[in-house]
Amino acid sequence: MVTIVDDDELMRSALQGMLKSVGLPSKAFASAEDFLKSGQQHETACL
């Protein structure tokens, strides 16, 4: 799982689209705080 943390919604969306196009799963968060609250840290292989 690739985790994207960026406060720019367009950048998050573009990165997710790019990763999806090459078959990589991803989740996106608007802030580090949101990511840490999500409990997804154990699933993240790349941040």
PDB file of N, CA and C in Angstrom:
ATOM      1  N   MET A   1       0.838  -1.176   0.000  1.00  0.00           N
ATOM      2  CA  MET A   1       0.000   0.000   0.000  1.00  0.00           C
ATOM      3  C   MET A   1       0.883   1.240   0.000  1.00  0.00           C
ATOM      4  N   VAL A   2       0.637   2.112  -0.946  1.00  0.00           N
ATOM      5  CA  VAL A   2       1.311   3.404  -1.000  1.00  0.00           C
ATOM      6  C   VAL A   2       0.388   4.421  -0.334  1.00  0.00           C
ATOM      7  N   THR A   3       0.920   5.149   0.627  1.00  0.00           N
ATOM      8  CA  THR A   3       0.141   6.168   1.312  1.00  0.00           C
ATOM      9  C   THR A   3       0.590   7.542   0.846  1.00  0.00           C
ATOM     10  N   ILE A   4      -0.384   8.341   0.457  1.00  0.00           N
ATOM     11  CA  ILE A   4      -0.135   9.704  -0.007  1.00  0.00           C
ATOM     12  C   ILE A   4      -0.627  10.663   1.067  1.00  0.00           C
ATOM     13  N   VAL A   5       0.240  11.567   1.495  1.00  0.00           N
ATOM     14  CA  VAL A   5      -0.150  12.611   2.443  1.00  0.00           C
ATOM     15  C   VAL A   5       0.187  13.944   1.797  1.00  0.00           C
ATOM     16  N   ASP A   6      -0.860  14.686   1.447  1.00  0.00           N
ATOM     17  CA  ASP A   6      -0.660  15.979   0.791  1.00  0.00           C
ATOM     18  C   ASP A   6      -1.890  16.835   1.031  1.00  0.00           C
ATOM     19  N   ASP A   7      -1.686  18.091   1.342  1.00  0.00           N
ATOM     20  CA  ASP A   7      -2.827  18.969   1.598  1.00  0.00           C
ATOM     21  C   ASP A   7      -3.483  19.492   0.321  1.00  0.00           C
ATOM     22  N   ASP A   8      -2.898  19.204  -0.813  1.00  0.00           N
ATOM     23  CA  ASP A   8      -3.441  19.635  -2.106  1.00  0.00           C
ATOM     24  C   ASP A   8      -4.295  18.505  -2.690  1.00  0.00           C
ATOM     25  N   GLU A   9      -5.599  18.714  -2.726  1.00  0.00           N
ATOM     26  CA  GLU A   9      -6.522  17.680  -3.194  1.00  0.00           C
ATOM     27  C   GLU A   9      -6.237  17.242  -4.625  1.00  0.00           C
ATOM     28  N   LEU A  10      -5.910  18.172  -5.503  1.00  0.00           N
ATOM     29  CA  LEU A  10      -5.611  17.818  -6.892  1.00  0.00           C
ATOM     30  C   LEU A  10      -4.364  16.948  -6.990  1.00  0.00           C
ATOM     31  N   MET A  11      -3.355  17.237  -6.178  1.00  0.00           N
ATOM     32  CA  MET A  11      -2.133  16.432  -6.178  1.00  0.00           C
ATOM     33  C   MET A  11      -2.428  15.021  -5.664  1.00  0.00           C
ATOM     34  N   ARG A  12      -3.202  14.926  -4.591  1.00  0.00           N
ATOM     35  CA  ARG A  12      -3.566  13.601  -4.066  1.00  0.00           C
ATOM     36  C   ARG A  12      -4.277  12.785  -5.136  1.00  0.00           C
ATOM     37  N   SER A  13      -5.231  13.405  -5.796  1.00  0.00           N
ATOM     38  CA  SER A  13      -6.003  12.713  -6.824  1.00  0.00           C
ATOM     39  C   SER A  13      -5.127  12.287  -7.997  1.00  0.00           C
ATOM     40  N   ALA A  14      -4.249  13.174  -8.434  1.00  0.00           N
ATOM     41  CA  ALA A  14      -3.356  12.861  -9.558  1.00  0.00           C
ATOM     42  C   ALA A  14      -2.420  11.709  -9.207  1.00  0.00           C
ATOM     43  N   LEU A  15      -1.865  11.735  -8.010  1.00  0.00           N
ATOM     44  CA  LEU A  15      -0.956  10.660  -7.596  1.00  0.00           C
ATOM     45  C   LEU A  15      -1.696   9.330  -7.486  1.00  0.00           C
ATOM     46  N   GLN A  16      -2.897   9.362  -6.932  1.00  0.00           N
ATOM     47  CA  GLN A  16      -3.672   8.125  -6.839  1.00  0.00           C
ATOM     48  C   GLN A  16      -3.985   7.574  -8.225  1.00  0.00           C
ATOM     49  N   GLY A  17      -4.333   8.440  -9.151  1.00  0.00           N
ATOM     50  CA  GLY A  17      -4.609   7.997 -10.513  1.00  0.00           C
ATOM     51  C   GLY A  17      -3.392   7.385 -11.178  1.00  0.00           C
ATOM     52  N   MET A  18      -2.244   8.003 -10.983  1.00  0.00           N
ATOM     53  CA  MET A  18      -1.009   7.488 -11.560  1.00  0.00           C
ATOM     54  C   MET A  18      -0.678   6.115 -10.974  1.00  0.00           C
ATOM     55  N   LEU A  19      -0.783   5.982  -9.662  1.00  0.00           N
ATOM     56  CA  LEU A  19      -0.482   4.706  -9.018  1.00  0.00           C
ATOM     57  C   LEU A  19      -1.459   3.623  -9.467  1.00  0.00           C
ATOM     58  N   LYS A  20      -2.732   3.970  -9.564  1.00  0.00           N
ATOM     59  CA  LYS A  20      -3.737   3.009 -10.021  1.00  0.00           C
ATOM     60  C   LYS A  20      -3.432   2.537 -11.437  1.00  0.00           C
ATOM     61  N   SER A  21      -2.956   3.448 -12.287  1.00  0.00           N
ATOM     62  CA  SER A  21      -2.683   3.096 -13.685  1.00  0.00           C
ATOM     63  C   SER A  21      -1.563   2.075 -13.833  1.00  0.00           C
ATOM     64  N   VAL A  22      -0.700   1.966 -12.824  1.00  0.00           N
ATOM     65  CA  VAL A  22       0.372   0.967 -12.862  1.00  0.00           C
ATOM     66  C   VAL A  22       0.106  -0.177 -11.888  1.00  0.00           C
ATOM     67  N   GLY A  23      -1.128  -0.239 -11.378  1.00  0.00           N
ATOM     68  CA  GLY A  23      -1.542  -1.374 -10.564  1.00  0.00           C
ATOM     69  C   GLY A  23      -1.151  -1.327  -9.100  1.00  0.00           C
ATOM     70  N   LEU A  24      -0.819  -0.154  -8.587  1.00  0.00           N
ATOM     71  CA  LEU A  24      -0.424  -0.049  -7.182  1.00  0.00           C
ATOM     72  C   LEU A  24      -1.573   0.497  -6.341  1.00  0.00           C
ATOM     73  N   PRO A  25      -1.916  -0.207  -5.268  1.00  0.00           N
ATOM     74  CA  PRO A  25      -2.971   0.293  -4.389  1.00  0.00           C
ATOM     75  C   PRO A  25      -2.471   1.484  -3.579  1.00  0.00           C
ATOM     76  N   SER A  26      -3.375   2.417  -3.296  1.00  0.00           N
ATOM     77  CA  SER A  26      -2.977   3.588  -2.519  1.00  0.00           C
ATOM     78  C   SER A  26      -4.144   4.107  -1.701  1.00  0.00           C
ATOM     79  N   LYS A  27      -3.796   4.856  -0.677  1.00  0.00           N
ATOM     80  CA  LYS A  27      -4.766   5.606   0.122  1.00  0.00           C
ATOM     81  C   LYS A  27      -4.199   6.996   0.284  1.00  0.00           C
ATOM     82  N   ALA A  28      -5.085   7.972   0.319  1.00  0.00           N
ATOM     83  CA  ALA A  28      -4.635   9.362   0.392  1.00  0.00           C
ATOM     84  C   ALA A  28      -5.245  10.059   1.602  1.00  0.00           C
ATOM     85  N   PHE A  29      -4.444  10.933   2.188  1.00  0.00           N
ATOM     86  CA  PHE A  29      -4.854  11.702   3.353  1.00  0.00           C
ATOM     87  C   PHE A  29      -4.441  13.148   3.160  1.00  0.00           C
ATOM     88  N   ALA A  30      -5.258  14.054   3.703  1.00  0.00           N
ATOM     89  CA  ALA A  30      -4.999  15.485   3.552  1.00  0.00           C
ATOM     90  C   ALA A  30      -3.950  16.005   4.525  1.00  0.00           C
ATOM     91  N   SER A  31      -3.670  15.233   5.580  1.00  0.00           N
ATOM     92  CA  SER A  31      -2.682  15.686   6.562  1.00  0.00           C
ATOM     93  C   SER A  31      -2.067  14.489   7.274  1.00  0.00           C
ATOM     94  N   ALA A  32      -0.915  14.727   7.880  1.00  0.00           N
ATOM     95  CA  ALA A  32      -0.267  13.678   8.666  1.00  0.00           C
ATOM     96  C   ALA A  32      -1.161  13.280   9.834  1.00  0.00           C
ATOM     97  N   GLU A  33      -1.843  14.250  10.402  1.00  0.00           N
ATOM     98  CA  GLU A  33      -2.755  13.964  11.516  1.00  0.00           C
ATOM     99  C   GLU A  33      -3.859  12.997  11.076  1.00  0.00           C
ATOM    100  N   ASP A  34      -4.442  13.241   9.906  1.00  0.00           N
ATOM    101  CA  ASP A  34      -5.474  12.340   9.383  1.00  0.00           C
ATOM    102  C   ASP A  34      -4.909  10.941   9.173  1.00  0.00           C
ATOM    103  N   PHE A  35      -3.717  10.855   8.630  1.00  0.00           N
ATOM    104  CA  PHE A  35      -3.073   9.556   8.414  1.00  0.00           C
ATOM    105  C   PHE A  35      -2.864   8.829   9.733  1.00  0.00           C
ATOM    106  N   LEU A  36      -2.329   9.514  10.729  1.00  0.00           N
ATOM    107  CA  LEU A  36      -2.066   8.883  12.019  1.00  0.00           C
ATOM    108  C   LEU A  36      -3.359   8.458  12.713  1.00  0.00           C
ATOM    109  N   LYS A  37      -4.409   9.231  12.571  1.00  0.00           N
ATOM    110  CA  LYS A  37      -5.705   8.887  13.166  1.00  0.00           C
ATOM    111  C   LYS A  37      -6.362   7.698  12.470  1.00  0.00           C
ATOM    112  N   SER A  38      -5.979   7.435  11.228  1.00  0.00           N
ATOM    113  CA  SER A  38      -6.635   6.399  10.428  1.00  0.00           C
ATOM    114  C   SER A  38      -6.302   4.982  10.882  1.00  0.00           C
ATOM    115  N   GLY A  39      -5.172   4.812  11.533  1.00  0.00           N
ATOM    116  CA  GLY A  39      -4.747   3.473  11.920  1.00  0.00           C
ATOM    117  C   GLY A  39      -4.196   2.658  10.761  1.00  0.00           C
ATOM    118  N   GLN A  40      -3.883   3.285   9.648  1.00  0.00           N
ATOM    119  CA  GLN A  40      -3.414   2.591   8.446  1.00  0.00           C
ATOM    120  C   GLN A  40      -1.898   2.417   8.390  1.00  0.00           C
ATOM    121  N   GLN A  41      -1.196   2.818   9.429  1.00  0.00           N
ATOM    122  CA  GLN A  41       0.268   2.783   9.391  1.00  0.00           C
ATOM    123  C   GLN A  41       0.806   1.375   9.129  1.00  0.00           C
ATOM    124  N   HIS A  42       0.168   0.368   9.688  1.00  0.00           N
ATOM    125  CA  HIS A  42       0.645  -1.005   9.517  1.00  0.00           C
ATOM    126  C   HIS A  42       0.493  -1.511   8.084  1.00  0.00           C
ATOM    127  N   GLU A  43      -0.383  -0.895   7.306  1.00  0.00           N
ATOM    128  CA  GLU A  43      -0.595  -1.305   5.914  1.00  0.00           C
ATOM    129  C   GLU A  43       0.305  -0.564   4.932  1.00  0.00           C
ATOM    130  N   THR A  44       0.989   0.465   5.398  1.00  0.00           N
ATOM    131  CA  THR A  44       1.768   1.330   4.519  1.00  0.00           C
ATOM    132  C   THR A  44       3.142   0.740   4.239  1.00  0.00           C
ATOM    133  N   ALA A  45       3.442   0.550   2.957  1.00  0.00           N
ATOM    134  CA  ALA A  45       4.763   0.085   2.548  1.00  0.00           C
ATOM    135  C   ALA A  45       5.615   1.251   2.061  1.00  0.00           C
ATOM    136  N   CYS A  46       4.960   2.309   1.604  1.00  0.00           N
ATOM    137  CA  CYS A  46       5.653   3.489   1.096  1.00  0.00           C
ATOM    138  C   CYS A  46       4.817   4.705   1.443  1.00  0.00           C
ATOM    139  N   LEU A  47       5.468   5.740   1.994  1.00  0.00           N
ATOM    140  CA  LEU A  47       4.767   6.959   2.398  1.00  0.00           C
ATOM    141  C   LEU A  47       5.292   8.123   1.609  1.00  0.00           C
TER     142      LEU A  47
END
